[in-house]
């Protein structure tokens, strides 16, 4: 999980693979492989979610790479 303050986007890499397509749903962008496997989720206007990131990252099942700005 990575937050880029300049673009205000949270990126969550959930699998490896080459991105072939995207689905946009409001403030979410889901990047998919050719076989429609989700690879990356982006949350636009991510600053709104930062206060809740600690709850998410405390889940030991989620591997997190945090920006030094968090």
PDB file of N, CA and C in Angstrom:
ATOM      1  N   UNK A   1       0.858  -1.158   0.000  1.00  0.00           N
ATOM      2  CA  UNK A   1       0.000   0.000   0.000  1.00  0.00           C
ATOM      3  C   UNK A   1       0.908   1.226   0.000  1.00  0.00           C
ATOM      4  N   UNK A   2       0.588   2.196  -0.823  1.00  0.00           N
ATOM      5  CA  UNK A   2       1.416   3.384  -0.966  1.00  0.00           C
ATOM      6  C   UNK A   2       0.517   4.598  -1.152  1.00  0.00           C
ATOM      7  N   UNK A   3       0.830   5.687  -0.470  1.00  0.00           N
ATOM      8  CA  UNK A   3       0.098   6.941  -0.643  1.00  0.00           C
ATOM      9  C   UNK A   3       1.029   7.966  -1.277  1.00  0.00           C
ATOM     10  N   UNK A   4       0.564   8.551  -2.366  1.00  0.00           N
ATOM     11  CA  UNK A   4       1.317   9.597  -3.062  1.00  0.00           C
ATOM     12  C   UNK A   4       0.607  10.927  -2.801  1.00  0.00           C
ATOM     13  N   UNK A   5       1.157  11.760  -1.893  1.00  0.00           N
ATOM     14  CA  UNK A   5       0.466  12.992  -1.522  1.00  0.00           C
ATOM     15  C   UNK A   5       0.284  13.991  -2.662  1.00  0.00           C
ATOM     16  N   UNK A   6       1.233  14.054  -3.604  1.00  0.00           N
ATOM     17  CA  UNK A   6       1.102  15.023  -4.698  1.00  0.00           C
ATOM     18  C   UNK A   6      -0.109  14.736  -5.574  1.00  0.00           C
ATOM     19  N   UNK A   7      -0.361  13.464  -5.845  1.00  0.00           N
ATOM     20  CA  UNK A   7      -1.522  13.103  -6.666  1.00  0.00           C
ATOM     21  C   UNK A   7      -2.727  12.736  -5.820  1.00  0.00           C
ATOM     22  N   UNK A   8      -2.517  12.588  -4.495  1.00  0.00           N
ATOM     23  CA  UNK A   8      -3.575  12.232  -3.553  1.00  0.00           C
ATOM     24  C   UNK A   8      -4.212  10.880  -3.908  1.00  0.00           C
ATOM     25  N   UNK A   9      -3.354   9.910  -4.238  1.00  0.00           N
ATOM     26  CA  UNK A   9      -3.817   8.586  -4.639  1.00  0.00           C
ATOM     27  C   UNK A   9      -3.204   7.522  -3.727  1.00  0.00           C
ATOM     28  N   UNK A  10      -4.042   6.603  -3.266  1.00  0.00           N
ATOM     29  CA  UNK A  10      -3.583   5.423  -2.546  1.00  0.00           C
ATOM     30  C   UNK A  10      -3.548   4.284  -3.553  1.00  0.00           C
ATOM     31  N   UNK A  11      -2.420   3.574  -3.635  1.00  0.00           N
ATOM     32  CA  UNK A  11      -2.269   2.436  -4.540  1.00  0.00           C
ATOM     33  C   UNK A  11      -2.089   1.176  -3.704  1.00  0.00           C
ATOM     34  N   UNK A  12      -2.836   0.145  -4.060  1.00  0.00           N
ATOM     35  CA  UNK A  12      -2.754  -1.132  -3.359  1.00  0.00           C
ATOM     36  C   UNK A  12      -2.489  -2.212  -4.395  1.00  0.00           C
ATOM     37  N   UNK A  13      -1.273  -2.747  -4.371  1.00  0.00           N
ATOM     38  CA  UNK A  13      -0.925  -3.831  -5.297  1.00  0.00           C
ATOM     39  C   UNK A  13      -1.392  -5.142  -4.669  1.00  0.00           C
ATOM     40  N   UNK A  14      -2.253  -5.874  -5.375  1.00  0.00           N
ATOM     41  CA  UNK A  14      -2.811  -7.101  -4.806  1.00  0.00           C
ATOM     42  C   UNK A  14      -2.310  -8.360  -5.494  1.00  0.00           C
ATOM     43  N   UNK A  15      -1.668  -8.221  -6.631  1.00  0.00           N
ATOM     44  CA  UNK A  15      -1.112  -9.372  -7.347  1.00  0.00           C
ATOM     45  C   UNK A  15      -0.100  -8.856  -8.356  1.00  0.00           C
ATOM     46  N   UNK A  16       0.669  -9.775  -8.918  1.00  0.00           N
ATOM     47  CA  UNK A  16       1.592  -9.378  -9.974  1.00  0.00           C
ATOM     48  C   UNK A  16       0.975  -9.725 -11.317  1.00  0.00           C
ATOM     49  N   UNK A  17       1.399  -9.033 -12.322  1.00  0.00           N
ATOM     50  CA  UNK A  17       0.888  -9.281 -13.660  1.00  0.00           C
ATOM     51  C   UNK A  17       0.899  -8.012 -14.481  1.00  0.00           C
ATOM     52  N   UNK A  18       0.801  -8.195 -15.781  1.00  0.00           N
ATOM     53  CA  UNK A  18       0.790  -7.065 -16.703  1.00  0.00           C
ATOM     54  C   UNK A  18      -0.624  -6.493 -16.781  1.00  0.00           C
ATOM     55  N   UNK A  19      -0.725  -5.190 -16.593  1.00  0.00           N
ATOM     56  CA  UNK A  19      -2.032  -4.522 -16.642  1.00  0.00           C
ATOM     57  C   UNK A  19      -2.469  -4.381 -18.094  1.00  0.00           C
ATOM     58  N   UNK A  20      -3.693  -4.828 -18.365  1.00  0.00           N
ATOM     59  CA  UNK A  20      -4.227  -4.798 -19.722  1.00  0.00           C
ATOM     60  C   UNK A  20      -5.488  -3.945 -19.828  1.00  0.00           C
ATOM     61  N   UNK A  21      -6.202  -3.775 -18.722  1.00  0.00           N
ATOM     62  CA  UNK A  21      -7.491  -3.103 -18.758  1.00  0.00           C
ATOM     63  C   UNK A  21      -7.755  -2.461 -17.397  1.00  0.00           C
ATOM     64  N   UNK A  22      -8.664  -1.497 -17.353  1.00  0.00           N
ATOM     65  CA  UNK A  22      -9.061  -0.884 -16.088  1.00  0.00           C
ATOM     66  C   UNK A  22     -10.572  -0.778 -16.001  1.00  0.00           C
ATOM     67  N   UNK A  23     -11.037  -0.785 -14.777  1.00  0.00           N
ATOM     68  CA  UNK A  23     -12.444  -0.528 -14.488  1.00  0.00           C
ATOM     69  C   UNK A  23     -12.478   0.667 -13.551  1.00  0.00           C
ATOM     70  N   UNK A  24     -13.268   1.670 -13.880  1.00  0.00           N
ATOM     71  CA  UNK A  24     -13.411   2.847 -13.030  1.00  0.00           C
ATOM     72  C   UNK A  24     -14.772   2.811 -12.360  1.00  0.00           C
ATOM     73  N   UNK A  25     -14.762   2.965 -11.035  1.00  0.00           N
ATOM     74  CA  UNK A  25     -16.001   2.981 -10.257  1.00  0.00           C
ATOM     75  C   UNK A  25     -15.905   4.120  -9.250  1.00  0.00           C
ATOM     76  N   UNK A  26     -16.361   5.289  -9.641  1.00  0.00           N
ATOM     77  CA  UNK A  26     -16.263   6.448  -8.760  1.00  0.00           C
ATOM     78  C   UNK A  26     -14.812   6.782  -8.486  1.00  0.00           C
ATOM     79  N   UNK A  27     -14.417   6.761  -7.214  1.00  0.00           N
ATOM     80  CA  UNK A  27     -13.043   7.077  -6.826  1.00  0.00           C
ATOM     81  C   UNK A  27     -12.129   5.864  -6.852  1.00  0.00           C
ATOM     82  N   UNK A  28     -12.586   4.739  -7.335  1.00  0.00           N
ATOM     83  CA  UNK A  28     -11.767   3.529  -7.428  1.00  0.00           C
ATOM     84  C   UNK A  28     -11.416   3.229  -8.869  1.00  0.00           C
ATOM     85  N   UNK A  29     -10.162   2.842  -9.076  1.00  0.00           N
ATOM     86  CA  UNK A  29      -9.731   2.344 -10.380  1.00  0.00           C
ATOM     87  C   UNK A  29      -9.110   0.980 -10.124  1.00  0.00           C
ATOM     88  N   UNK A  30      -9.636  -0.031 -10.784  1.00  0.00           N
ATOM     89  CA  UNK A  30      -9.128  -1.395 -10.635  1.00  0.00           C
ATOM     90  C   UNK A  30      -8.432  -1.773 -11.930  1.00  0.00           C
ATOM     91  N   UNK A  31      -7.146  -2.116 -11.828  1.00  0.00           N
ATOM     92  CA  UNK A  31      -6.346  -2.496 -12.983  1.00  0.00           C
ATOM     93  C   UNK A  31      -6.343  -4.020 -13.084  1.00  0.00           C
ATOM     94  N   UNK A  32      -6.612  -4.530 -14.287  1.00  0.00           N
ATOM     95  CA  UNK A  32      -6.774  -5.961 -14.511  1.00  0.00           C
ATOM     96  C   UNK A  32      -5.796  -6.489 -15.554  1.00  0.00           C
ATOM     97  N   UNK A  33      -5.496  -7.793 -15.460  1.00  0.00           N
ATOM     98  CA  UNK A  33      -4.723  -8.459 -16.504  1.00  0.00           C
ATOM     99  C   UNK A  33      -5.651  -8.787 -17.669  1.00  0.00           C
ATOM    100  N   UNK A  34      -5.071  -9.350 -18.729  1.00  0.00           N
ATOM    101  CA  UNK A  34      -5.864  -9.766 -19.887  1.00  0.00           C
ATOM    102  C   UNK A  34      -6.936 -10.785 -19.484  1.00  0.00           C
ATOM    103  N   UNK A  35      -6.620 -11.603 -18.462  1.00  0.00           N
ATOM    104  CA  UNK A  35      -7.565 -12.619 -17.978  1.00  0.00           C
ATOM    105  C   UNK A  35      -8.505 -12.095 -16.907  1.00  0.00           C
ATOM    106  N   UNK A  36      -8.559 -10.773 -16.761  1.00  0.00           N
ATOM    107  CA  UNK A  36      -9.446 -10.081 -15.818  1.00  0.00           C
ATOM    108  C   UNK A  36      -9.108 -10.342 -14.355  1.00  0.00           C
ATOM    109  N   UNK A  37      -7.835 -10.657 -14.066  1.00  0.00           N
ATOM    110  CA  UNK A  37      -7.363 -10.830 -12.694  1.00  0.00           C
ATOM    111  C   UNK A  37      -6.975  -9.453 -12.149  1.00  0.00           C
ATOM    112  N   UNK A  38      -7.520  -9.031 -11.002  1.00  0.00           N
ATOM    113  CA  UNK A  38      -7.147  -7.735 -10.427  1.00  0.00           C
ATOM    114  C   UNK A  38      -5.677  -7.717 -10.024  1.00  0.00           C
ATOM    115  N   UNK A  39      -4.980  -6.624 -10.376  1.00  0.00           N
ATOM    116  CA  UNK A  39      -3.563  -6.478 -10.085  1.00  0.00           C
ATOM    117  C   UNK A  39      -3.317  -5.296  -9.136  1.00  0.00           C
ATOM    118  N   UNK A  40      -3.987  -4.198  -9.391  1.00  0.00           N
ATOM    119  CA  UNK A  40      -3.746  -2.963  -8.644  1.00  0.00           C
ATOM    120  C   UNK A  40      -5.065  -2.228  -8.442  1.00  0.00           C
ATOM    121  N   UNK A  41      -5.248  -1.698  -7.239  1.00  0.00           N
ATOM    122  CA  UNK A  41      -6.410  -0.857  -6.943  1.00  0.00           C
ATOM    123  C   UNK A  41      -5.890   0.522  -6.589  1.00  0.00           C
ATOM    124  N   UNK A  42      -6.460   1.546  -7.193  1.00  0.00           N
ATOM    125  CA  UNK A  42      -6.107   2.925  -6.866  1.00  0.00           C
ATOM    126  C   UNK A  42      -7.333   3.611  -6.282  1.00  0.00           C
ATOM    127  N   UNK A  43      -7.118   4.351  -5.212  1.00  0.00           N
ATOM    128  CA  UNK A  43      -8.180   5.128  -4.589  1.00  0.00           C
ATOM    129  C   UNK A  43      -7.853   6.597  -4.830  1.00  0.00           C
ATOM    130  N   UNK A  44      -8.670   7.244  -5.660  1.00  0.00           N
ATOM    131  CA  UNK A  44      -8.494   8.663  -5.938  1.00  0.00           C
ATOM    132  C   UNK A  44      -8.994   9.462  -4.738  1.00  0.00           C
ATOM    133  N   UNK A  45      -8.457  10.643  -4.534  1.00  0.00           N
ATOM    134  CA  UNK A  45      -8.801  11.470  -3.384  1.00  0.00           C
ATOM    135  C   UNK A  45      -8.529  10.687  -2.099  1.00  0.00           C
ATOM    136  N   UNK A  46      -7.384   9.982  -2.111  1.00  0.00           N
ATOM    137  CA  UNK A  46      -7.027   9.054  -1.044  1.00  0.00           C
ATOM    138  C   UNK A  46      -6.823   9.676   0.322  1.00  0.00           C
ATOM    139  N   UNK A  47      -6.564  10.975   0.382  1.00  0.00           N
ATOM    140  CA  UNK A  47      -6.367  11.631   1.667  1.00  0.00           C
ATOM    141  C   UNK A  47      -7.533  11.455   2.615  1.00  0.00           C
ATOM    142  N   UNK A  48      -8.722  11.271   2.068  1.00  0.00           N
ATOM    143  CA  UNK A  48      -9.906  11.053   2.912  1.00  0.00           C
ATOM    144  C   UNK A  48      -9.815   9.730   3.668  1.00  0.00           C
ATOM    145  N   UNK A  49      -9.046   8.774   3.126  1.00  0.00           N
ATOM    146  CA  UNK A  49      -8.972   7.441   3.710  1.00  0.00           C
ATOM    147  C   UNK A  49      -7.801   7.260   4.662  1.00  0.00           C
ATOM    148  N   UNK A  50      -6.864   8.196   4.676  1.00  0.00           N
ATOM    149  CA  UNK A  50      -5.650   8.036   5.484  1.00  0.00           C
ATOM    150  C   UNK A  50      -5.949   7.791   6.959  1.00  0.00           C
ATOM    151  N   UNK A  51      -6.893   8.490   7.582  1.00  0.00           N
ATOM    152  CA  UNK A  51      -7.152   8.202   9.005  1.00  0.00           C
ATOM    153  C   UNK A  51      -7.550   6.737   9.263  1.00  0.00           C
ATOM    154  N   UNK A  52      -8.091   6.063   8.256  1.00  0.00           N
ATOM    155  CA  UNK A  52      -8.517   4.673   8.425  1.00  0.00           C
ATOM    156  C   UNK A  52      -7.443   3.662   8.035  1.00  0.00           C
ATOM    157  N   UNK A  53      -6.314   4.122   7.482  1.00  0.00           N
ATOM    158  CA  UNK A  53      -5.284   3.189   7.037  1.00  0.00           C
ATOM    159  C   UNK A  53      -4.696   2.373   8.186  1.00  0.00           C
ATOM    160  N   UNK A  54      -4.593   2.953   9.376  1.00  0.00           N
ATOM    161  CA  UNK A  54      -4.051   2.192  10.500  1.00  0.00           C
ATOM    162  C   UNK A  54      -4.902   0.967  10.800  1.00  0.00           C
ATOM    163  N   UNK A  55      -6.202   1.084  10.674  1.00  0.00           N
ATOM    164  CA  UNK A  55      -7.077  -0.066  10.902  1.00  0.00           C
ATOM    165  C   UNK A  55      -6.800  -1.157   9.870  1.00  0.00           C
ATOM    166  N   UNK A  56      -6.586  -0.746   8.635  1.00  0.00           N
ATOM    167  CA  UNK A  56      -6.338  -1.711   7.559  1.00  0.00           C
ATOM    168  C   UNK A  56      -4.975  -2.362   7.741  1.00  0.00           C
ATOM    169  N   UNK A  57      -3.947  -1.563   8.010  1.00  0.00           N
ATOM    170  CA  UNK A  57      -2.594  -2.101   8.085  1.00  0.00           C
ATOM    171  C   UNK A  57      -2.353  -2.939   9.333  1.00  0.00           C
ATOM    172  N   UNK A  58      -3.204  -2.836  10.333  1.00  0.00           N
ATOM    173  CA  UNK A  58      -3.063  -3.671  11.520  1.00  0.00           C
ATOM    174  C   UNK A  58      -3.491  -5.105  11.249  1.00  0.00           C
ATOM    175  N   UNK A  59      -4.204  -5.323  10.150  1.00  0.00           N
ATOM    176  CA  UNK A  59      -4.595  -6.671   9.769  1.00  0.00           C
ATOM    177  C   UNK A  59      -3.348  -7.400   9.280  1.00  0.00           C
ATOM    178  N   UNK A  60      -2.922  -8.438   9.985  1.00  0.00           N
ATOM    179  CA  UNK A  60      -1.669  -9.123   9.679  1.00  0.00           C
ATOM    180  C   UNK A  60      -1.710  -9.859   8.341  1.00  0.00           C
ATOM    181  N   UNK A  61      -2.883 -10.026   7.759  1.00  0.00           N
ATOM    182  CA  UNK A  61      -2.990 -10.705   6.471  1.00  0.00           C
ATOM    183  C   UNK A  61      -2.654  -9.777   5.316  1.00  0.00           C
ATOM    184  N   UNK A  62      -2.573  -8.485   5.572  1.00  0.00           N
ATOM    185  CA  UNK A  62      -2.310  -7.501   4.532  1.00  0.00           C
ATOM    186  C   UNK A  62      -0.844  -7.105   4.603  1.00  0.00           C
ATOM    187  N   UNK A  63      -0.125  -7.301   3.504  1.00  0.00           N
ATOM    188  CA  UNK A  63       1.280  -6.889   3.415  1.00  0.00           C
ATOM    189  C   UNK A  63       1.305  -5.425   2.991  1.00  0.00           C
ATOM    190  N   UNK A  64       1.989  -4.592   3.749  1.00  0.00           N
ATOM    191  CA  UNK A  64       1.936  -3.160   3.516  1.00  0.00           C
ATOM    192  C   UNK A  64       3.310  -2.563   3.255  1.00  0.00           C
ATOM    193  N   UNK A  65       3.364  -1.722   2.250  1.00  0.00           N
ATOM    194  CA  UNK A  65       4.534  -0.888   2.002  1.00  0.00           C
ATOM    195  C   UNK A  65       4.024   0.540   2.106  1.00  0.00           C
ATOM    196  N   UNK A  66       4.384   1.219   3.179  1.00  0.00           N
ATOM    197  CA  UNK A  66       3.832   2.554   3.442  1.00  0.00           C
ATOM    198  C   UNK A  66       4.831   3.632   3.057  1.00  0.00           C
ATOM    199  N   UNK A  67       4.298   4.717   2.556  1.00  0.00           N
ATOM    200  CA  UNK A  67       5.103   5.887   2.259  1.00  0.00           C
ATOM    201  C   UNK A  67       5.602   6.497   3.567  1.00  0.00           C
ATOM    202  N   UNK A  68       6.791   7.095   3.584  1.00  0.00           N
ATOM    203  CA  UNK A  68       7.273   7.754   4.798  1.00  0.00           C
ATOM    204  C   UNK A  68       6.358   8.889   5.241  1.00  0.00           C
ATOM    205  N   UNK A  69       5.484   9.340   4.345  1.00  0.00           N
ATOM    206  CA  UNK A  69       4.579  10.448   4.680  1.00  0.00           C
ATOM    207  C   UNK A  69       3.372  10.014   5.470  1.00  0.00           C
ATOM    208  N   UNK A  70       3.157   8.697   5.619  1.00  0.00           N
ATOM    209  CA  UNK A  70       1.973   8.246   6.360  1.00  0.00           C
ATOM    210  C   UNK A  70       2.211   8.269   7.839  1.00  0.00           C
TER     211      UNK A  70
END
